[in-house]
Amino acid sequence: MADNKGSGISGLTEAEAKEFHGMFITSFIAFTVVAIVAHFLAWQWRPWIPGPNGYESSDITPVLHQLTSMFT
């Protein structure tokens, strides 16, 4: 029978649990960075709180034209 000394409720050894934890933290940080960048870009495109004249007052149109011209 295998030696389960040091394994917890997950069935992982301490070394395996630390490796999994490291991968989990790394992927969580990467996901958070991607989410922050996506929210920033969405805010630049269409602010969630529009100005006094609504969305027409945003000055993002020149930036959008510049970005789209880079891909055409």
C-alpha atoms as a PDB file:
ATOM      1  CA  MET A   1       0.000   0.000   0.000  1.00  0.00           C
ATOM      2  CA  ALA A   2       1.247   3.492  -0.814  1.00  0.00           C
ATOM      3  CA  ASP A   3       2.553   5.671   1.970  1.00  0.00           C
ATOM      4  CA  ASN A   4       0.061   8.530   2.483  1.00  0.00           C
ATOM      5  CA  LYS A   5       2.113  10.192   5.178  1.00  0.00           C
ATOM      6  CA  GLY A   6       1.666  13.961   5.002  1.00  0.00           C
ATOM      7  CA  SER A   7      -1.176  13.930   2.473  1.00  0.00           C
ATOM      8  CA  GLY A   8      -4.214  15.993   3.313  1.00  0.00           C
ATOM      9  CA  ILE A   9      -7.858  15.748   2.387  1.00  0.00           C
ATOM     10  CA  SER A  10      -7.027  16.415  -1.279  1.00  0.00           C
ATOM     11  CA  GLY A  11      -4.828  13.356  -1.564  1.00  0.00           C
ATOM     12  CA  LEU A  12      -1.854  15.442  -2.641  1.00  0.00           C
ATOM     13  CA  THR A  13       1.496  15.329  -0.990  1.00  0.00           C
ATOM     14  CA  GLU A  14       2.854  18.555   0.469  1.00  0.00           C
ATOM     15  CA  ALA A  15       5.165  19.066  -2.538  1.00  0.00           C
ATOM     16  CA  GLU A  16       2.311  18.488  -5.004  1.00  0.00           C
ATOM     17  CA  ALA A  17       0.065  20.852  -3.065  1.00  0.00           C
ATOM     18  CA  LYS A  18       2.733  23.576  -3.100  1.00  0.00           C
ATOM     19  CA  GLU A  19       3.248  23.096  -6.853  1.00  0.00           C
ATOM     20  CA  PHE A  20      -0.497  23.315  -7.489  1.00  0.00           C
ATOM     21  CA  HIS A  21      -0.759  26.396  -5.271  1.00  0.00           C
ATOM     22  CA  GLY A  22       2.044  28.099  -7.197  1.00  0.00           C
ATOM     23  CA  MET A  23       0.367  27.390 -10.544  1.00  0.00           C
ATOM     24  CA  PHE A  24      -2.986  28.548  -9.182  1.00  0.00           C
ATOM     25  CA  ILE A  25      -1.587  31.839  -7.888  1.00  0.00           C
ATOM     26  CA  THR A  26       0.304  32.473 -11.146  1.00  0.00           C
ATOM     27  CA  SER A  27      -2.775  31.833 -13.300  1.00  0.00           C
ATOM     28  CA  PHE A  28      -4.953  33.939 -10.977  1.00  0.00           C
ATOM     29  CA  ILE A  29      -2.556  36.892 -11.242  1.00  0.00           C
ATOM     30  CA  ALA A  30      -2.401  36.524 -15.046  1.00  0.00           C
ATOM     31  CA  PHE A  31      -6.215  36.439 -15.242  1.00  0.00           C
ATOM     32  CA  THR A  32      -6.463  39.511 -13.011  1.00  0.00           C
ATOM     33  CA  VAL A  33      -3.997  41.453 -15.171  1.00  0.00           C
ATOM     34  CA  VAL A  34      -5.912  40.532 -18.344  1.00  0.00           C
ATOM     35  CA  ALA A  35      -9.194  41.573 -16.684  1.00  0.00           C
ATOM     36  CA  ILE A  36      -7.739  44.922 -15.590  1.00  0.00           C
ATOM     37  CA  VAL A  37      -6.451  45.627 -19.103  1.00  0.00           C
ATOM     38  CA  ALA A  38      -9.813  44.634 -20.612  1.00  0.00           C
ATOM     39  CA  HIS A  39     -11.704  46.888 -18.216  1.00  0.00           C
ATOM     40  CA  PHE A  40      -9.364  49.787 -18.946  1.00  0.00           C
ATOM     41  CA  LEU A  41      -9.841  49.354 -22.707  1.00  0.00           C
ATOM     42  CA  ALA A  42     -13.615  49.091 -22.295  1.00  0.00           C
ATOM     43  CA  TRP A  43     -13.581  52.268 -20.193  1.00  0.00           C
ATOM     44  CA  GLN A  44     -11.588  54.078 -22.889  1.00  0.00           C
ATOM     45  CA  TRP A  45     -14.047  52.915 -25.540  1.00  0.00           C
ATOM     46  CA  ARG A  46     -17.257  53.638 -23.644  1.00  0.00           C
ATOM     47  CA  PRO A  47     -17.080  55.115 -20.123  1.00  0.00           C
ATOM     48  CA  TRP A  48     -19.559  53.574 -17.736  1.00  0.00           C
ATOM     49  CA  ILE A  49     -20.392  57.030 -16.366  1.00  0.00           C
ATOM     50  CA  PRO A  50     -20.990  59.304 -19.364  1.00  0.00           C
ATOM     51  CA  GLY A  51     -20.320  63.041 -19.357  1.00  0.00           C
ATOM     52  CA  PRO A  52     -23.033  65.708 -19.055  1.00  0.00           C
ATOM     53  CA  ASN A  53     -23.789  65.442 -22.791  1.00  0.00           C
ATOM     54  CA  GLY A  54     -23.976  61.652 -22.788  1.00  0.00           C
ATOM     55  CA  TYR A  55     -21.597  59.472 -24.736  1.00  0.00           C
ATOM     56  CA  GLU A  56     -21.256  62.026 -27.549  1.00  0.00           C
ATOM     57  CA  SER A  57     -18.943  64.099 -25.381  1.00  0.00           C
ATOM     58  CA  SER A  58     -16.252  61.409 -25.249  1.00  0.00           C
ATOM     59  CA  ASP A  59     -13.089  62.167 -27.215  1.00  0.00           C
ATOM     60  CA  ILE A  60     -12.233  58.539 -27.976  1.00  0.00           C
ATOM     61  CA  THR A  61     -13.172  58.647 -31.686  1.00  0.00           C
ATOM     62  CA  PRO A  62      -9.717  59.832 -32.891  1.00  0.00           C
ATOM     63  CA  VAL A  63      -8.049  57.111 -30.842  1.00  0.00           C
ATOM     64  CA  LEU A  64     -10.340  54.449 -32.308  1.00  0.00           C
ATOM     65  CA  HIS A  65      -9.565  55.639 -35.848  1.00  0.00           C
ATOM     66  CA  GLN A  66      -5.849  55.511 -35.111  1.00  0.00           C
ATOM     67  CA  LEU A  67      -6.103  51.984 -33.683  1.00  0.00           C
ATOM     68  CA  THR A  68      -8.197  50.678 -36.565  1.00  0.00           C
ATOM     69  CA  SER A  69      -5.861  52.222 -39.142  1.00  0.00           C
ATOM     70  CA  MET A  70      -2.990  50.205 -37.654  1.00  0.00           C
ATOM     71  CA  PHE A  71      -4.793  46.949 -38.557  1.00  0.00           C
ATOM     72  CA  THR A  72      -5.917  47.846 -42.076  1.00  0.00           C
END
